[in-house]
Amino acid sequence: MSATARISYLRVTPRKARLVADLIRGKKVQAALDLLSFTNRYVANDFKKLLRSALANAEQKGGMDPDNLIVKTVMVDQGPTIKRWQARARGSAYKVEKKTSHVTLILEEK
């Protein structure tokens, strides 16, 4: 039995999000929450919310014991890129690309 939670259109680049995803993959839920609390990355708060959501889904829908849950899978996929233009010198423009991510987290009982 497994529990899933997703974040779509997260306003952080997938490369930066994968750094945090690699930290918690394969860990117990409580250890992952502790690790995210002390991780000095902007996206760690979003991962913490996602992990709590998956934990609530596991308790509510599956009736699983939170002490036996591990983070089985954390997938970070690239979402759409928001494209903007910034004015530069002599009437030229500079392209600004704001990347987004889709994150999927799956918990499973040990």
PDB file of N, CA and C in Angstrom:
ATOM      1  N   MET A   1       0.851  -1.182   0.000  1.00  0.00           N
ATOM      2  CA  MET A   1       0.000   0.000   0.000  1.00  0.00           C
ATOM      3  C   MET A   1       0.890   1.236   0.000  1.00  0.00           C
ATOM      4  N   SER A   2       0.483   2.255  -0.729  1.00  0.00           N
ATOM      5  CA  SER A   2       1.286   3.468  -0.794  1.00  0.00           C
ATOM      6  C   SER A   2       0.385   4.698  -0.758  1.00  0.00           C
ATOM      7  N   ALA A   3       0.980   5.822  -0.422  1.00  0.00           N
ATOM      8  CA  ALA A   3       0.280   7.105  -0.379  1.00  0.00           C
ATOM      9  C   ALA A   3       1.060   8.096  -1.233  1.00  0.00           C
ATOM     10  N   THR A   4       0.326   8.927  -1.962  1.00  0.00           N
ATOM     11  CA  THR A   4       0.945   9.840  -2.924  1.00  0.00           C
ATOM     12  C   THR A   4       0.518  11.272  -2.639  1.00  0.00           C
ATOM     13  N   ALA A   5       1.423  12.212  -2.911  1.00  0.00           N
ATOM     14  CA  ALA A   5       1.112  13.644  -2.874  1.00  0.00           C
ATOM     15  C   ALA A   5       1.885  14.315  -3.999  1.00  0.00           C
ATOM     16  N   ARG A   6       1.296  15.375  -4.568  1.00  0.00           N
ATOM     17  CA  ARG A   6       1.922  16.065  -5.697  1.00  0.00           C
ATOM     18  C   ARG A   6       1.882  17.579  -5.515  1.00  0.00           C
ATOM     19  N   ILE A   7       2.905  18.241  -6.056  1.00  0.00           N
ATOM     20  CA  ILE A   7       2.904  19.696  -6.212  1.00  0.00           C
ATOM     21  C   ILE A   7       3.104  19.956  -7.700  1.00  0.00           C
ATOM     22  N   SER A   8       2.231  20.755  -8.274  1.00  0.00           N
ATOM     23  CA  SER A   8       2.387  21.129  -9.674  1.00  0.00           C
ATOM     24  C   SER A   8       2.738  22.602  -9.766  1.00  0.00           C
ATOM     25  N   TYR A   9       3.503  22.942 -10.762  1.00  0.00           N
ATOM     26  CA  TYR A   9       3.882  24.330 -11.060  1.00  0.00           C
ATOM     27  C   TYR A   9       4.611  25.002  -9.891  1.00  0.00           C
ATOM     28  N   LEU A  10       5.496  24.259  -9.244  1.00  0.00           N
ATOM     29  CA  LEU A  10       6.314  24.807  -8.165  1.00  0.00           C
ATOM     30  C   LEU A  10       7.342  25.756  -8.770  1.00  0.00           C
ATOM     31  N   ARG A  11       7.421  26.974  -8.277  1.00  0.00           N
ATOM     32  CA  ARG A  11       8.258  28.015  -8.878  1.00  0.00           C
ATOM     33  C   ARG A  11       9.710  27.903  -8.420  1.00  0.00           C
ATOM     34  N   VAL A  12      10.336  26.800  -8.752  1.00  0.00           N
ATOM     35  CA  VAL A  12      11.751  26.591  -8.494  1.00  0.00           C
ATOM     36  C   VAL A  12      12.263  25.697  -9.619  1.00  0.00           C
ATOM     37  N   THR A  13      13.525  25.845  -9.979  1.00  0.00           N
ATOM     38  CA  THR A  13      14.061  25.050 -11.074  1.00  0.00           C
ATOM     39  C   THR A  13      14.166  23.576 -10.651  1.00  0.00           C
ATOM     40  N   PRO A  14      13.959  22.661 -11.580  1.00  0.00           N
ATOM     41  CA  PRO A  14      14.041  21.240 -11.240  1.00  0.00           C
ATOM     42  C   PRO A  14      15.420  20.841 -10.725  1.00  0.00           C
ATOM     43  N   ARG A  15      16.449  21.473 -11.223  1.00  0.00           N
ATOM     44  CA  ARG A  15      17.804  21.139 -10.784  1.00  0.00           C
ATOM     45  C   ARG A  15      17.993  21.418  -9.292  1.00  0.00           C
ATOM     46  N   LYS A  16      17.465  22.545  -8.814  1.00  0.00           N
ATOM     47  CA  LYS A  16      17.571  22.887  -7.399  1.00  0.00           C
ATOM     48  C   LYS A  16      16.662  22.004  -6.548  1.00  0.00           C
ATOM     49  N   ALA A  17      15.503  21.651  -7.083  1.00  0.00           N
ATOM     50  CA  ALA A  17      14.576  20.801  -6.338  1.00  0.00           C
ATOM     51  C   ALA A  17      15.116  19.379  -6.202  1.00  0.00           C
ATOM     52  N   ARG A  18      15.834  18.895  -7.205  1.00  0.00           N
ATOM     53  CA  ARG A  18      16.379  17.542  -7.153  1.00  0.00           C
ATOM     54  C   ARG A  18      17.448  17.396  -6.072  1.00  0.00           C
ATOM     55  N   LEU A  19      18.141  18.479  -5.740  1.00  0.00           N
ATOM     56  CA  LEU A  19      19.130  18.430  -4.664  1.00  0.00           C
ATOM     57  C   LEU A  19      18.471  18.069  -3.335  1.00  0.00           C
ATOM     58  N   VAL A  20      17.297  18.640  -3.082  1.00  0.00           N
ATOM     59  CA  VAL A  20      16.583  18.350  -1.835  1.00  0.00           C
ATOM     60  C   VAL A  20      15.906  16.981  -1.919  1.00  0.00           C
ATOM     61  N   ALA A  21      15.407  16.622  -3.098  1.00  0.00           N
ATOM     62  CA  ALA A  21      14.752  15.326  -3.269  1.00  0.00           C
ATOM     63  C   ALA A  21      15.728  14.182  -3.001  1.00  0.00           C
ATOM     64  N   ASP A  22      16.970  14.349  -3.410  1.00  0.00           N
ATOM     65  CA  ASP A  22      17.978  13.316  -3.186  1.00  0.00           C
ATOM     66  C   ASP A  22      18.293  13.135  -1.704  1.00  0.00           C
ATOM     67  N   LEU A  23      18.101  14.189  -0.904  1.00  0.00           N
ATOM     68  CA  LEU A  23      18.369  14.094   0.531  1.00  0.00           C
ATOM     69  C   LEU A  23      17.382  13.180   1.246  1.00  0.00           C
ATOM     70  N   ILE A  24      16.105  13.210   0.849  1.00  0.00           N
ATOM     71  CA  ILE A  24      15.076  12.502   1.610  1.00  0.00           C
ATOM     72  C   ILE A  24      14.680  11.163   1.015  1.00  0.00           C
ATOM     73  N   ARG A  25      15.113  10.866  -0.189  1.00  0.00           N
ATOM     74  CA  ARG A  25      14.726   9.617  -0.846  1.00  0.00           C
ATOM     75  C   ARG A  25      15.250   8.415  -0.056  1.00  0.00           C
ATOM     76  N   GLY A  26      14.332   7.468   0.279  1.00  0.00           N
ATOM     77  CA  GLY A  26      14.711   6.248   0.988  1.00  0.00           C
ATOM     78  C   GLY A  26      14.751   6.362   2.502  1.00  0.00           C
ATOM     79  N   LYS A  27      14.468   7.531   3.048  1.00  0.00           N
ATOM     80  CA  LYS A  27      14.534   7.736   4.497  1.00  0.00           C
ATOM     81  C   LYS A  27      13.164   7.496   5.141  1.00  0.00           C
ATOM     82  N   LYS A  28      13.166   7.274   6.449  1.00  0.00           N
ATOM     83  CA  LYS A  28      11.913   7.209   7.191  1.00  0.00           C
ATOM     84  C   LYS A  28      11.292   8.597   7.213  1.00  0.00           C
ATOM     85  N   VAL A  29       9.978   8.648   7.402  1.00  0.00           N
ATOM     86  CA  VAL A  29       9.254   9.918   7.312  1.00  0.00           C
ATOM     87  C   VAL A  29       9.726  10.906   8.373  1.00  0.00           C
ATOM     88  N   GLN A  30       9.874  10.446   9.608  1.00  0.00           N
ATOM     89  CA  GLN A  30      10.295  11.358  10.671  1.00  0.00           C
ATOM     90  C   GLN A  30      11.713  11.864  10.447  1.00  0.00           C
ATOM     91  N   ALA A  31      12.591  10.999   9.969  1.00  0.00           N
ATOM     92  CA  ALA A  31      13.965  11.416   9.674  1.00  0.00           C
ATOM     93  C   ALA A  31      13.987  12.424   8.529  1.00  0.00           C
ATOM     94  N   ALA A  32      13.134  12.211   7.539  1.00  0.00           N
ATOM     95  CA  ALA A  32      13.058  13.140   6.411  1.00  0.00           C
ATOM     96  C   ALA A  32      12.526  14.506   6.848  1.00  0.00           C
ATOM     97  N   LEU A  33      11.523  14.516   7.720  1.00  0.00           N
ATOM     98  CA  LEU A  33      10.992  15.790   8.231  1.00  0.00           C
ATOM     99  C   LEU A  33      12.048  16.546   9.032  1.00  0.00           C
ATOM    100  N   ASP A  34      12.807  15.825   9.855  1.00  0.00           N
ATOM    101  CA  ASP A  34      13.876  16.456  10.635  1.00  0.00           C
ATOM    102  C   ASP A  34      14.949  17.023   9.713  1.00  0.00           C
ATOM    103  N   LEU A  35      15.298  16.278   8.689  1.00  0.00           N
ATOM    104  CA  LEU A  35      16.311  16.716   7.742  1.00  0.00           C
ATOM    105  C   LEU A  35      15.866  17.965   6.989  1.00  0.00           C
ATOM    106  N   LEU A  36      14.589  17.998   6.593  1.00  0.00           N
ATOM    107  CA  LEU A  36      14.065  19.159   5.864  1.00  0.00           C
ATOM    108  C   LEU A  36      13.970  20.396   6.759  1.00  0.00           C
ATOM    109  N   SER A  37      13.766  20.180   8.061  1.00  0.00           N
ATOM    110  CA  SER A  37      13.674  21.320   8.984  1.00  0.00           C
ATOM    111  C   SER A  37      14.989  22.079   9.078  1.00  0.00           C
ATOM    112  N   PHE A  38      16.094  21.354   8.931  1.00  0.00           N
ATOM    113  CA  PHE A  38      17.403  21.981   9.070  1.00  0.00           C
ATOM    114  C   PHE A  38      18.148  22.147   7.759  1.00  0.00           C
ATOM    115  N   THR A  39      17.478  21.911   6.642  1.00  0.00           N
ATOM    116  CA  THR A  39      18.097  22.107   5.335  1.00  0.00           C
ATOM    117  C   THR A  39      17.986  23.574   4.952  1.00  0.00           C
ATOM    118  N   ASN A  40      19.085  24.155   4.560  1.00  0.00           N
ATOM    119  CA  ASN A  40      19.127  25.585   4.258  1.00  0.00           C
ATOM    120  C   ASN A  40      18.892  25.828   2.759  1.00  0.00           C
ATOM    121  N   ARG A  41      17.748  25.375   2.279  1.00  0.00           N
ATOM    122  CA  ARG A  41      17.355  25.571   0.885  1.00  0.00           C
ATOM    123  C   ARG A  41      15.938  26.133   0.863  1.00  0.00           C
ATOM    124  N   TYR A  42      15.672  26.993  -0.124  1.00  0.00           N
ATOM    125  CA  TYR A  42      14.362  27.631  -0.234  1.00  0.00           C
ATOM    126  C   TYR A  42      13.243  26.595  -0.444  1.00  0.00           C
ATOM    127  N   VAL A  43      13.514  25.587  -1.248  1.00  0.00           N
ATOM    128  CA  VAL A  43      12.500  24.605  -1.618  1.00  0.00           C
ATOM    129  C   VAL A  43      12.234  23.585  -0.511  1.00  0.00           C
ATOM    130  N   ALA A  44      13.035  23.555   0.539  1.00  0.00           N
ATOM    131  CA  ALA A  44      12.860  22.578   1.616  1.00  0.00           C
ATOM    132  C   ALA A  44      11.514  22.753   2.320  1.00  0.00           C
ATOM    133  N   ASN A  45      11.026  23.976   2.449  1.00  0.00           N
ATOM    134  CA  ASN A  45       9.716  24.204   3.074  1.00  0.00           C
ATOM    135  C   ASN A  45       8.598  23.600   2.239  1.00  0.00           C
ATOM    136  N   ASP A  46       8.693  23.705   0.921  1.00  0.00           N
ATOM    137  CA  ASP A  46       7.681  23.125   0.049  1.00  0.00           C
ATOM    138  C   ASP A  46       7.708  21.592   0.115  1.00  0.00           C
ATOM    139  N   PHE A  47       8.895  21.021   0.205  1.00  0.00           N
ATOM    140  CA  PHE A  47       9.011  19.574   0.339  1.00  0.00           C
ATOM    141  C   PHE A  47       8.462  19.108   1.682  1.00  0.00           C
ATOM    142  N   LYS A  48       8.649  19.925   2.711  1.00  0.00           N
ATOM    143  CA  LYS A  48       8.127  19.590   4.032  1.00  0.00           C
ATOM    144  C   LYS A  48       6.595  19.552   4.014  1.00  0.00           C
ATOM    145  N   LYS A  49       5.983  20.536   3.357  1.00  0.00           N
ATOM    146  CA  LYS A  49       4.530  20.558   3.220  1.00  0.00           C
ATOM    147  C   LYS A  49       4.043  19.344   2.424  1.00  0.00           C
ATOM    148  N   LEU A  50       4.767  19.015   1.364  1.00  0.00           N
ATOM    149  CA  LEU A  50       4.404  17.879   0.531  1.00  0.00           C
ATOM    150  C   LEU A  50       4.487  16.576   1.307  1.00  0.00           C
ATOM    151  N   LEU A  51       5.524  16.419   2.107  1.00  0.00           N
ATOM    152  CA  LEU A  51       5.697  15.210   2.916  1.00  0.00           C
ATOM    153  C   LEU A  51       4.605  15.093   3.970  1.00  0.00           C
ATOM    154  N   ARG A  52       4.243  16.199   4.584  1.00  0.00           N
ATOM    155  CA  ARG A  52       3.148  16.183   5.568  1.00  0.00           C
ATOM    156  C   ARG A  52       1.820  15.837   4.895  1.00  0.00           C
ATOM    157  N   SER A  53       1.613  16.327   3.679  1.00  0.00           N
ATOM    158  CA  SER A  53       0.396  16.016   2.937  1.00  0.00           C
ATOM    159  C   SER A  53       0.326  14.531   2.605  1.00  0.00           C
ATOM    160  N   ALA A  54       1.433  13.950   2.160  1.00  0.00           N
ATOM    161  CA  ALA A  54       1.465  12.521   1.859  1.00  0.00           C
ATOM    162  C   ALA A  54       1.247  11.697   3.124  1.00  0.00           C
ATOM    163  N   LEU A  55       1.781  12.154   4.243  1.00  0.00           N
ATOM    164  CA  LEU A  55       1.595  11.477   5.526  1.00  0.00           C
ATOM    165  C   LEU A  55       0.125  11.502   5.932  1.00  0.00           C
ATOM    166  N   ALA A  56      -0.526  12.651   5.763  1.00  0.00           N
ATOM    167  CA  ALA A  56      -1.954  12.762   6.077  1.00  0.00           C
ATOM    168  C   ALA A  56      -2.786  11.870   5.149  1.00  0.00           C
ATOM    169  N   ASN A  57      -2.397  11.799   3.872  1.00  0.00           N
ATOM    170  CA  ASN A  57      -3.095  10.914   2.935  1.00  0.00           C
ATOM    171  C   ASN A  57      -2.951   9.451   3.359  1.00  0.00           C
ATOM    172  N   ALA A  58      -1.779   9.077   3.827  1.00  0.00           N
ATOM    173  CA  ALA A  58      -1.542   7.692   4.251  1.00  0.00           C
ATOM    174  C   ALA A  58      -2.388   7.342   5.475  1.00  0.00           C
ATOM    175  N   GLU A  59      -2.490   8.262   6.415  1.00  0.00           N
ATOM    176  CA  GLU A  59      -3.279   8.005   7.616  1.00  0.00           C
ATOM    177  C   GLU A  59      -4.769   8.009   7.308  1.00  0.00           C
ATOM    178  N   GLN A  60      -5.206   8.950   6.482  1.00  0.00           N
ATOM    179  CA  GLN A  60      -6.632   9.130   6.200  1.00  0.00           C
ATOM    180  C   GLN A  60      -7.185   8.038   5.282  1.00  0.00           C
ATOM    181  N   LYS A  61      -6.523   7.797   4.173  1.00  0.00           N
ATOM    182  CA  LYS A  61      -7.071   6.894   3.162  1.00  0.00           C
ATOM    183  C   LYS A  61      -6.615   5.453   3.348  1.00  0.00           C
ATOM    184  N   GLY A  62      -5.356   5.274   3.690  1.00  0.00           N
ATOM    185  CA  GLY A  62      -4.832   3.917   3.763  1.00  0.00           C
ATOM    186  C   GLY A  62      -4.849   3.318   5.151  1.00  0.00           C
ATOM    187  N   GLY A  63      -4.971   4.137   6.182  1.00  0.00           N
ATOM    188  CA  GLY A  63      -4.917   3.647   7.552  1.00  0.00           C
ATOM    189  C   GLY A  63      -3.550   3.083   7.928  1.00  0.00           C
ATOM    190  N   MET A  64      -2.502   3.645   7.332  1.00  0.00           N
ATOM    191  CA  MET A  64      -1.147   3.149   7.589  1.00  0.00           C
ATOM    192  C   MET A  64      -0.566   3.769   8.857  1.00  0.00           C
ATOM    193  N   ASP A  65       0.376   3.056   9.449  1.00  0.00           N
ATOM    194  CA  ASP A  65       1.052   3.535  10.649  1.00  0.00           C
ATOM    195  C   ASP A  65       2.175   4.491  10.241  1.00  0.00           C
ATOM    196  N   PRO A  66       2.185   5.732  10.733  1.00  0.00           N
ATOM    197  CA  PRO A  66       3.202   6.693  10.318  1.00  0.00           C
ATOM    198  C   PRO A  66       4.624   6.321  10.732  1.00  0.00           C
ATOM    199  N   ASP A  67       4.769   5.467  11.755  1.00  0.00           N
ATOM    200  CA  ASP A  67       6.112   5.081  12.204  1.00  0.00           C
ATOM    201  C   ASP A  67       6.787   4.105  11.245  1.00  0.00           C
ATOM    202  N   ASN A  68       5.997   3.401  10.435  1.00  0.00           N
ATOM    203  CA  ASN A  68       6.547   2.397   9.524  1.00  0.00           C
ATOM    204  C   ASN A  68       6.688   2.897   8.090  1.00  0.00           C
ATOM    205  N   LEU A  69       6.422   4.175   7.839  1.00  0.00           N
ATOM    206  CA  LEU A  69       6.443   4.696   6.475  1.00  0.00           C
ATOM    207  C   LEU A  69       7.843   5.172   6.080  1.00  0.00           C
ATOM    208  N   ILE A  70       8.199   4.914   4.832  1.00  0.00           N
ATOM    209  CA  ILE A  70       9.443   5.434   4.272  1.00  0.00           C
ATOM    210  C   ILE A  70       9.123   6.181   2.986  1.00  0.00           C
ATOM    211  N   VAL A  71      10.012   7.089   2.606  1.00  0.00           N
ATOM    212  CA  VAL A  71       9.864   7.833   1.359  1.00  0.00           C
ATOM    213  C   VAL A  71      10.390   6.931   0.246  1.00  0.00           C
ATOM    214  N   LYS A  72       9.471   6.333  -0.486  1.00  0.00           N
ATOM    215  CA  LYS A  72       9.861   5.377  -1.522  1.00  0.00           C
ATOM    216  C   LYS A  72      10.386   6.096  -2.758  1.00  0.00           C
ATOM    217  N   THR A  73       9.619   7.065  -3.255  1.00  0.00           N
ATOM    218  CA  THR A  73       9.967   7.732  -4.508  1.00  0.00           C
ATOM    219  C   THR A  73       9.742   9.229  -4.375  1.00  0.00           C
ATOM    220  N   VAL A  74      10.680  10.008  -4.902  1.00  0.00           N
ATOM    221  CA  VAL A  74      10.506  11.452  -5.056  1.00  0.00           C
ATOM    222  C   VAL A  74      10.930  11.781  -6.482  1.00  0.00           C
ATOM    223  N   MET A  75       9.969  12.188  -7.298  1.00  0.00           N
ATOM    224  CA  MET A  75      10.255  12.522  -8.691  1.00  0.00           C
ATOM    225  C   MET A  75      10.091  14.025  -8.895  1.00  0.00           C
ATOM    226  N   VAL A  76      11.067  14.628  -9.533  1.00  0.00           N
ATOM    227  CA  VAL A  76      10.997  16.053  -9.865  1.00  0.00           C
ATOM    228  C   VAL A  76      11.070  16.167 -11.379  1.00  0.00           C
ATOM    229  N   ASP A  77       9.969  16.587 -11.974  1.00  0.00           N
ATOM    230  CA  ASP A  77       9.893  16.758 -13.419  1.00  0.00           C
ATOM    231  C   ASP A  77       9.802  18.239 -13.752  1.00  0.00           C
ATOM    232  N   GLN A  78      10.232  18.597 -14.943  1.00  0.00           N
ATOM    233  CA  GLN A  78      10.185  19.997 -15.353  1.00  0.00           C
ATOM    234  C   GLN A  78       8.788  20.355 -15.833  1.00  0.00           C
ATOM    235  N   GLY A  79       8.299  21.491 -15.354  1.00  0.00           N
ATOM    236  CA  GLY A  79       7.020  22.019 -15.796  1.00  0.00           C
ATOM    237  C   GLY A  79       7.230  23.044 -16.886  1.00  0.00           C
ATOM    238  N   PRO A  80       6.197  23.807 -17.202  1.00  0.00           N
ATOM    239  CA  PRO A  80       6.340  24.829 -18.239  1.00  0.00           C
ATOM    240  C   PRO A  80       7.252  25.972 -17.787  1.00  0.00           C
ATOM    241  N   THR A  81       7.885  26.592 -18.744  1.00  0.00           N
ATOM    242  CA  THR A  81       8.780  27.715 -18.469  1.00  0.00           C
ATOM    243  C   THR A  81       8.044  29.018 -18.729  1.00  0.00           C
ATOM    244  N   ILE A  82       8.084  29.923 -17.754  1.00  0.00           N
ATOM    245  CA  ILE A  82       7.482  31.245 -17.902  1.00  0.00           C
ATOM    246  C   ILE A  82       8.516  32.141 -18.564  1.00  0.00           C
ATOM    247  N   LYS A  83       8.156  32.766 -19.670  1.00  0.00           N
ATOM    248  CA  LYS A  83       9.119  33.577 -20.414  1.00  0.00           C
ATOM    249  C   LYS A  83       8.792  35.053 -20.247  1.00  0.00           C
ATOM    250  N   ARG A  84       9.817  35.826 -19.913  1.00  0.00           N
ATOM    251  CA  ARG A  84       9.676  37.273 -19.717  1.00  0.00           C
ATOM    252  C   ARG A  84      10.803  37.975 -20.446  1.00  0.00           C
ATOM    253  N   TRP A  85      10.669  39.293 -20.612  1.00  0.00           N
ATOM    254  CA  TRP A  85      11.706  40.118 -21.234  1.00  0.00           C
ATOM    255  C   TRP A  85      12.087  41.229 -20.289  1.00  0.00           C
ATOM    256  N   GLN A  86      13.388  41.514 -20.210  1.00  0.00           N
ATOM    257  CA  GLN A  86      13.899  42.581 -19.364  1.00  0.00           C
ATOM    258  C   GLN A  86      14.603  43.590 -20.249  1.00  0.00           C
ATOM    259  N   ALA A  87      14.313  44.859 -20.033  1.00  0.00           N
ATOM    260  CA  ALA A  87      14.931  45.918 -20.839  1.00  0.00           C
ATOM    261  C   ALA A  87      16.416  46.025 -20.519  1.00  0.00           C
ATOM    262  N   ARG A  88      17.216  46.221 -21.573  1.00  0.00           N
ATOM    263  CA  ARG A  88      18.663  46.348 -21.422  1.00  0.00           C
ATOM    264  C   ARG A  88      19.123  47.633 -22.126  1.00  0.00           C
ATOM    265  N   ALA A  89      20.418  47.810 -22.169  1.00  0.00           N
ATOM    266  CA  ALA A  89      20.988  49.041 -22.710  1.00  0.00           C
ATOM    267  C   ALA A  89      20.730  49.165 -24.215  1.00  0.00           C
ATOM    268  N   ARG A  90      20.655  50.399 -24.691  1.00  0.00           N
ATOM    269  CA  ARG A  90      20.503  50.765 -26.103  1.00  0.00           C
ATOM    270  C   ARG A  90      19.280  50.122 -26.763  1.00  0.00           C
ATOM    271  N   GLY A  91      18.202  49.996 -26.016  1.00  0.00           N
ATOM    272  CA  GLY A  91      16.946  49.526 -26.582  1.00  0.00           C
ATOM    273  C   GLY A  91      16.863  48.038 -26.832  1.00  0.00           C
ATOM    274  N   SER A  92      17.819  47.293 -26.353  1.00  0.00           N
ATOM    275  CA  SER A  92      17.746  45.843 -26.555  1.00  0.00           C
ATOM    276  C   SER A  92      16.977  45.198 -25.405  1.00  0.00           C
ATOM    277  N   ALA A  93      16.755  43.891 -25.519  1.00  0.00           N
ATOM    278  CA  ALA A  93      16.011  43.160 -24.494  1.00  0.00           C
ATOM    279  C   ALA A  93      16.779  41.901 -24.113  1.00  0.00           C
ATOM    280  N   TYR A  94      16.521  41.427 -22.908  1.00  0.00           N
ATOM    281  CA  TYR A  94      17.170  40.242 -22.378  1.00  0.00           C
ATOM    282  C   TYR A  94      16.085  39.241 -22.011  1.00  0.00           C
ATOM    283  N   LYS A  95      16.216  38.008 -22.473  1.00  0.00           N
ATOM    284  CA  LYS A  95      15.224  36.979 -22.210  1.00  0.00           C
ATOM    285  C   LYS A  95      15.405  36.407 -20.809  1.00  0.00           C
ATOM    286  N   VAL A  96      14.332  36.365 -20.034  1.00  0.00           N
ATOM    287  CA  VAL A  96      14.338  35.804 -18.689  1.00  0.00           C
ATOM    288  C   VAL A  96      13.410  34.599 -18.696  1.00  0.00           C
ATOM    289  N   GLU A  97      13.954  33.425 -18.352  1.00  0.00           N
ATOM    290  CA  GLU A  97      13.152  32.211 -18.295  1.00  0.00           C
ATOM    291  C   GLU A  97      13.008  31.772 -16.840  1.00  0.00           C
ATOM    292  N   LYS A  98      11.762  31.672 -16.395  1.00  0.00           N
ATOM    293  CA  LYS A  98      11.479  31.244 -15.028  1.00  0.00           C
ATOM    294  C   LYS A  98      10.941  29.825 -15.098  1.00  0.00           C
ATOM    295  N   LYS A  99      11.745  28.877 -14.639  1.00  0.00           N
ATOM    296  CA  LYS A  99      11.387  27.475 -14.764  1.00  0.00           C
ATOM    297  C   LYS A  99      10.506  27.026 -13.607  1.00  0.00           C
ATOM    298  N   THR A 100       9.670  26.036 -13.875  1.00  0.00           N
ATOM    299  CA  THR A 100       8.791  25.473 -12.859  1.00  0.00           C
ATOM    300  C   THR A 100       9.021  23.963 -12.769  1.00  0.00           C
ATOM    301  N   SER A 101       8.528  23.372 -11.693  1.00  0.00           N
ATOM    302  CA  SER A 101       8.714  21.946 -11.448  1.00  0.00           C
ATOM    303  C   SER A 101       7.396  21.295 -11.058  1.00  0.00           C
ATOM    304  N   HIS A 102       7.292  20.014 -11.355  1.00  0.00           N
ATOM    305  CA  HIS A 102       6.217  19.166 -10.856  1.00  0.00           C
ATOM    306  C   HIS A 102       6.879  18.110  -9.970  1.00  0.00           C
ATOM    307  N   VAL A 103       6.446  18.026  -8.692  1.00  0.00           N
ATOM    308  CA  VAL A 103       7.070  17.102  -7.749  1.00  0.00           C
ATOM    309  C   VAL A 103       6.027  16.065  -7.317  1.00  0.00           C
ATOM    310  N   THR A 104       6.410  14.791  -7.352  1.00  0.00           N
ATOM    311  CA  THR A 104       5.572  13.686  -6.909  1.00  0.00           C
ATOM    312  C   THR A 104       6.317  12.927  -5.820  1.00  0.00           C
ATOM    313  N   LEU A 105       5.628  12.690  -4.695  1.00  0.00           N
ATOM    314  CA  LEU A 105       6.233  11.980  -3.564  1.00  0.00           C
ATOM    315  C   LEU A 105       5.356  10.783  -3.213  1.00  0.00           C
ATOM    316  N   ILE A 106       5.969   9.599  -3.079  1.00  0.00           N
ATOM    317  CA  ILE A 106       5.239   8.371  -2.768  1.00  0.00           C
ATOM    318  C   ILE A 106       5.811   7.780  -1.479  1.00  0.00           C
ATOM    319  N   LEU A 107       4.916   7.535  -0.520  1.00  0.00           N
ATOM    320  CA  LEU A 107       5.291   6.882   0.741  1.00  0.00           C
ATOM    321  C   LEU A 107       4.825   5.438   0.698  1.00  0.00           C
ATOM    322  N   GLU A 108       5.604   4.564   1.328  1.00  0.00           N
ATOM    323  CA  GLU A 108       5.233   3.154   1.367  1.00  0.00           C
ATOM    324  C   GLU A 108       5.559   2.593   2.739  1.00  0.00           C
ATOM    325  N   GLU A 109       4.756   1.593   3.156  1.00  0.00           N
ATOM    326  CA  GLU A 109       5.015   0.950   4.446  1.00  0.00           C
ATOM    327  C   GLU A 109       6.204   0.026   4.347  1.00  0.00           C
ATOM    328  N   LYS A 110       6.978  -0.001   5.394  1.00  0.00           N
ATOM    329  CA  LYS A 110       8.194  -0.833   5.432  1.00  0.00           C
ATOM    330  C   LYS A 110       7.819  -2.276   5.643  1.00  0.00           C
TER     331      LYS A 110
END
